[in-house]
Amino acid sequence: PPRSTLFPYTTLFRSIDALVEVLADFYSRADGGPEIAAFGTAAAVGINVLENFEQTRGFIGQGTLNQQQFDGIAGYARRFLAREPLFQERIEGGYIRDCHGDLYSANICLADKVYIYDCIEFNQRFRYCDVASDVAFLAMDLDFYGLDRLSSRFIDQFSRTTNDSGLGAMLNFYKCYRAYVRGKIGLFTAGDPAVEPSLKAACLGNAAKYFRLAERYASE
């Protein structure tokens, strides 16, 4: 391809690499004691994941989430959660940490250096998690915006920098979870009577896109 089409990605790759360095350092120093590690069991993760299906069941068939999507995503999540030894391996590997909890592009600023802010300080259940869940959120967010190359670069660099060879096995599960949560938030926001019609339409459109993305992860 022409040089002009390569330059933007070269610049963005450098930003991704800088972000990885910041995150790798952050997770290496983050607390990961026994209390936090307990949030990494399949049962504990299941509380966060499965509640989303109960909270969205009433929206099925209203034009944003159909029954086939709901059943497919929920079935995938339950099958993955049944793989308890996989979650135990992550615990034993020390990958359950006091994480950011809301790591997506809206909470990252690339300026003179990388700034990451607005972590979930108010809820341990959403912040104490597998590092894979944290980084999957940003990878999913990049996928959502059609930036698959940046998403792949981010995960590849993060895996190499942190020597996390087991990250790939967890990635689609947590991407699916994060996409579904964003879809749920879109539904809830659109359902607020105080929300303007234009914002409601945008929220519903994005929610539908998030559910399609979650369905994609569940079928890969």
Protein backbone atom coordinates (compact mmCIF):
# COMPACT_ATOMS: atom_id res chain seq x y z
CA PRO A 1 0.00 0.00 0.00
CA PRO A 2 1.08 3.65 -0.43
CA ARG A 3 3.32 5.13 2.23
CA SER A 4 0.60 7.62 3.20
CA THR A 5 -1.68 4.78 4.33
CA LEU A 6 1.04 3.20 6.45
CA PHE A 7 2.04 6.28 8.42
CA PRO A 8 -1.11 6.67 10.54
CA TYR A 9 -0.94 3.05 11.68
CA THR A 10 2.78 3.38 12.43
CA THR A 11 1.97 6.31 14.69
CA LEU A 12 -0.96 4.54 16.31
CA PHE A 13 1.09 1.39 16.86
CA ARG A 14 3.60 3.49 18.80
CA SER A 15 0.77 4.81 20.96
CA ILE A 16 -0.51 1.29 21.54
CA ASP A 17 2.98 0.13 22.50
CA ALA A 18 3.32 3.03 24.95
CA LEU A 19 -0.05 2.16 26.45
CA VAL A 20 1.03 -1.46 26.87
CA GLU A 21 4.13 -0.39 28.78
CA VAL A 22 2.02 1.67 31.18
CA LEU A 23 -0.49 -1.12 31.71
CA ALA A 24 2.12 -3.84 32.12
CA ASP A 25 3.80 -1.80 34.85
CA PHE A 26 0.46 -1.05 36.51
CA TYR A 27 -0.64 -4.69 36.66
CA SER A 28 2.77 -5.86 37.87
CA ARG A 29 2.40 -3.58 40.91
CA ALA A 30 -1.33 -4.02 41.47
CA ASP A 31 -2.47 -5.89 44.55
CA GLY A 32 -3.29 -9.54 43.98
CA GLY A 33 -3.65 -11.03 47.44
CA PRO A 34 -5.93 -13.93 48.45
CA GLU A 35 -8.99 -11.71 48.97
CA ILE A 36 -8.67 -10.34 45.44
CA ALA A 37 -7.81 -13.72 43.92
CA ALA A 38 -11.13 -15.08 45.17
CA PHE A 39 -12.88 -12.88 42.60
CA GLY A 40 -11.27 -14.92 39.83
CA THR A 41 -13.09 -18.19 40.41
CA ALA A 42 -15.61 -19.33 37.82
CA ALA A 43 -18.38 -18.88 40.39
CA ALA A 44 -17.37 -15.30 41.19
CA VAL A 45 -16.95 -14.34 37.54
CA GLY A 46 -20.28 -15.98 36.82
CA ILE A 47 -22.07 -13.59 39.16
CA ASN A 48 -20.94 -10.63 37.04
CA VAL A 49 -21.53 -12.33 33.72
CA LEU A 50 -24.85 -14.09 34.28
CA GLU A 51 -26.61 -11.16 35.93
CA ASN A 52 -26.47 -9.35 32.59
CA PHE A 53 -28.78 -11.91 31.02
CA GLU A 54 -31.35 -11.55 33.80
CA GLN A 55 -31.19 -7.78 33.49
CA THR A 56 -31.77 -7.80 29.71
CA ARG A 57 -34.28 -10.62 29.38
CA GLY A 58 -37.16 -8.15 29.25
CA PHE A 59 -35.66 -6.38 26.22
CA ILE A 60 -35.66 -9.43 23.95
CA GLY A 61 -37.62 -8.95 20.75
CA GLN A 62 -37.85 -5.17 20.99
CA GLY A 63 -35.68 -4.58 17.94
CA THR A 64 -32.22 -4.46 19.53
CA LEU A 65 -31.68 -7.92 21.00
CA ASN A 66 -33.33 -10.99 19.51
CA GLN A 67 -33.95 -14.37 21.09
CA GLN A 68 -31.35 -16.15 18.97
CA GLN A 69 -28.63 -13.70 20.02
CA PHE A 70 -29.64 -13.91 23.66
CA ASP A 71 -29.69 -17.71 23.71
CA GLY A 72 -26.43 -18.02 21.79
CA ILE A 73 -24.48 -15.57 23.94
CA ALA A 74 -25.90 -16.83 27.24
CA GLY A 75 -25.26 -20.44 26.27
CA TYR A 76 -21.68 -19.67 25.30
CA ALA A 77 -21.07 -17.85 28.61
CA ARG A 78 -22.42 -20.74 30.66
CA ARG A 79 -20.37 -23.31 28.76
CA PHE A 80 -17.20 -21.28 29.26
CA LEU A 81 -17.88 -20.75 32.96
CA ALA A 82 -18.13 -24.52 33.33
CA ARG A 83 -14.41 -24.73 32.51
CA GLU A 84 -13.44 -24.17 36.14
CA PRO A 85 -9.82 -25.43 35.81
CA LEU A 86 -9.14 -22.65 33.30
CA PHE A 87 -10.16 -20.02 35.84
CA GLN A 88 -8.12 -21.77 38.52
CA GLU A 89 -5.05 -21.61 36.29
CA ARG A 90 -5.46 -17.85 36.06
CA ILE A 91 -5.70 -17.60 39.83
CA GLU A 92 -2.60 -19.73 40.35
CA GLY A 93 -0.74 -17.69 37.74
CA GLY A 94 -1.35 -14.50 39.73
CA TYR A 95 -3.50 -12.83 37.08
CA ILE A 96 -6.35 -11.74 39.34
CA ARG A 97 -5.50 -8.20 40.37
CA ASP A 98 -6.88 -4.90 41.59
CA CYS A 99 -7.49 -3.71 38.04
CA HIS A 100 -8.92 -0.60 36.42
CA GLY A 101 -12.36 -2.08 35.81
CA ASP A 102 -13.45 0.31 33.04
CA LEU A 103 -10.54 0.22 30.61
CA TYR A 104 -11.80 1.49 27.28
CA SER A 105 -10.89 4.35 24.96
CA ALA A 106 -13.07 7.00 26.63
CA ASN A 107 -10.92 6.67 29.76
CA ILE A 108 -7.55 6.92 28.02
CA CYS A 109 -5.82 10.12 26.89
CA LEU A 110 -2.76 10.08 24.63
CA ALA A 111 -0.97 13.40 25.13
CA ASP A 112 2.62 14.07 26.26
CA LYS A 113 2.34 10.62 27.80
CA VAL A 114 -0.37 8.01 28.38
CA TYR A 115 -3.04 9.02 30.89
CA ILE A 116 -5.54 6.43 32.14
CA TYR A 117 -8.27 7.60 34.48
CA ASP A 118 -11.76 6.98 35.90
CA CYS A 119 -11.23 3.49 37.27
CA ILE A 120 -14.07 1.78 39.14
CA GLU A 121 -13.19 2.70 42.70
CA PHE A 122 -16.68 2.18 44.10
CA ASN A 123 -17.17 -1.53 43.42
CA GLN A 124 -14.63 -4.24 44.20
CA ARG A 125 -16.67 -6.84 42.32
CA PHE A 126 -16.11 -5.00 39.03
CA ARG A 127 -12.52 -3.92 39.72
CA TYR A 128 -11.04 -7.10 41.21
CA CYS A 129 -10.75 -9.28 38.14
CA ASP A 130 -8.54 -11.17 35.76
CA VAL A 131 -6.15 -8.87 33.93
CA ALA A 132 -7.56 -10.54 30.80
CA SER A 133 -10.96 -9.03 31.55
CA ASP A 134 -9.47 -5.55 31.81
CA VAL A 135 -7.49 -5.65 28.57
CA ALA A 136 -10.32 -7.45 26.74
CA PHE A 137 -12.49 -4.38 27.32
CA LEU A 138 -10.12 -2.14 25.38
CA ALA A 139 -9.57 -4.77 22.69
CA MET A 140 -13.35 -5.09 22.28
CA ASP A 141 -13.72 -1.31 22.16
CA LEU A 142 -11.20 -1.09 19.33
CA ASP A 143 -13.04 -3.89 17.50
CA PHE A 144 -16.30 -1.98 17.95
CA TYR A 145 -14.85 0.99 16.11
CA GLY A 146 -13.50 -1.18 13.31
CA LEU A 147 -9.89 -0.86 14.50
CA ASP A 148 -9.13 -4.58 14.40
CA ARG A 149 -5.47 -4.03 13.55
CA LEU A 150 -4.98 -1.89 16.63
CA SER A 151 -6.88 -4.40 18.75
CA SER A 152 -4.63 -7.23 17.55
CA ARG A 153 -1.51 -5.13 18.05
CA PHE A 154 -2.60 -4.27 21.58
CA ILE A 155 -3.21 -7.88 22.59
CA ASP A 156 -0.07 -9.21 20.88
CA GLN A 157 2.14 -6.60 22.51
CA PHE A 158 0.52 -7.02 25.89
CA SER A 159 0.89 -10.80 25.81
CA ARG A 160 4.57 -10.54 24.86
CA THR A 161 5.39 -7.79 27.34
CA THR A 162 3.73 -9.54 30.28
CA ASN A 163 4.58 -13.11 29.20
CA ASP A 164 0.91 -13.97 29.59
CA SER A 165 0.63 -17.02 27.35
CA GLY A 166 -2.80 -17.91 28.72
CA LEU A 167 -4.42 -14.59 27.80
CA GLY A 168 -5.64 -15.83 24.43
CA ALA A 169 -7.71 -18.62 25.96
CA MET A 170 -9.71 -16.08 28.00
CA LEU A 171 -9.91 -13.27 25.49
CA ASN A 172 -13.11 -13.97 23.55
CA PHE A 173 -15.01 -14.84 26.72
CA TYR A 174 -14.16 -11.53 28.32
CA LYS A 175 -14.61 -9.60 25.07
CA CYS A 176 -18.08 -11.12 24.78
CA TYR A 177 -18.85 -10.17 28.38
CA ARG A 178 -17.67 -6.60 27.91
CA ALA A 179 -19.56 -6.13 24.64
CA TYR A 180 -22.76 -7.43 26.21
CA VAL A 181 -22.39 -5.05 29.17
CA ARG A 182 -22.02 -2.09 26.81
CA GLY A 183 -25.12 -3.23 24.95
CA LYS A 184 -27.01 -3.47 28.23
CA ILE A 185 -25.95 0.03 29.24
CA GLY A 186 -27.23 1.31 25.89
CA LEU A 187 -30.62 -0.27 26.54
CA PHE A 188 -30.82 1.17 30.05
CA THR A 189 -29.82 4.64 28.89
CA ALA A 190 -32.34 4.59 26.05
CA GLY A 191 -35.05 3.53 28.51
CA ASP A 192 -34.57 6.62 30.69
CA PRO A 193 -37.57 8.94 30.13
CA ALA A 194 -35.29 11.98 30.51
CA VAL A 195 -33.15 11.00 27.51
CA GLU A 196 -33.67 13.02 24.32
CA PRO A 197 -35.06 11.11 21.30
CA SER A 198 -31.86 11.57 19.28
CA LEU A 199 -29.69 10.19 22.07
CA LYS A 200 -32.15 7.35 22.62
CA ALA A 201 -31.89 6.36 18.95
CA ALA A 202 -28.08 6.51 19.08
CA CYS A 203 -27.99 4.37 22.24
CA LEU A 204 -30.25 1.76 20.71
CA GLY A 205 -28.19 1.68 17.52
CA ASN A 206 -24.98 1.21 19.44
CA ALA A 207 -26.59 -1.42 21.68
CA ALA A 208 -27.59 -3.46 18.63
CA LYS A 209 -24.03 -3.23 17.34
CA TYR A 210 -22.60 -4.33 20.69
CA PHE A 211 -24.92 -7.34 20.83
CA ARG A 212 -23.89 -8.34 17.30
CA LEU A 213 -20.26 -8.07 18.37
CA ALA A 214 -20.89 -10.19 21.47
CA GLU A 215 -22.60 -12.75 19.25
CA ARG A 216 -19.54 -12.79 16.98
CA TYR A 217 -17.20 -13.48 19.89
CA ALA A 218 -19.51 -16.23 21.15
CA SER A 219 -19.39 -17.99 17.78
CA GLU A 220 -15.64 -17.70 17.07
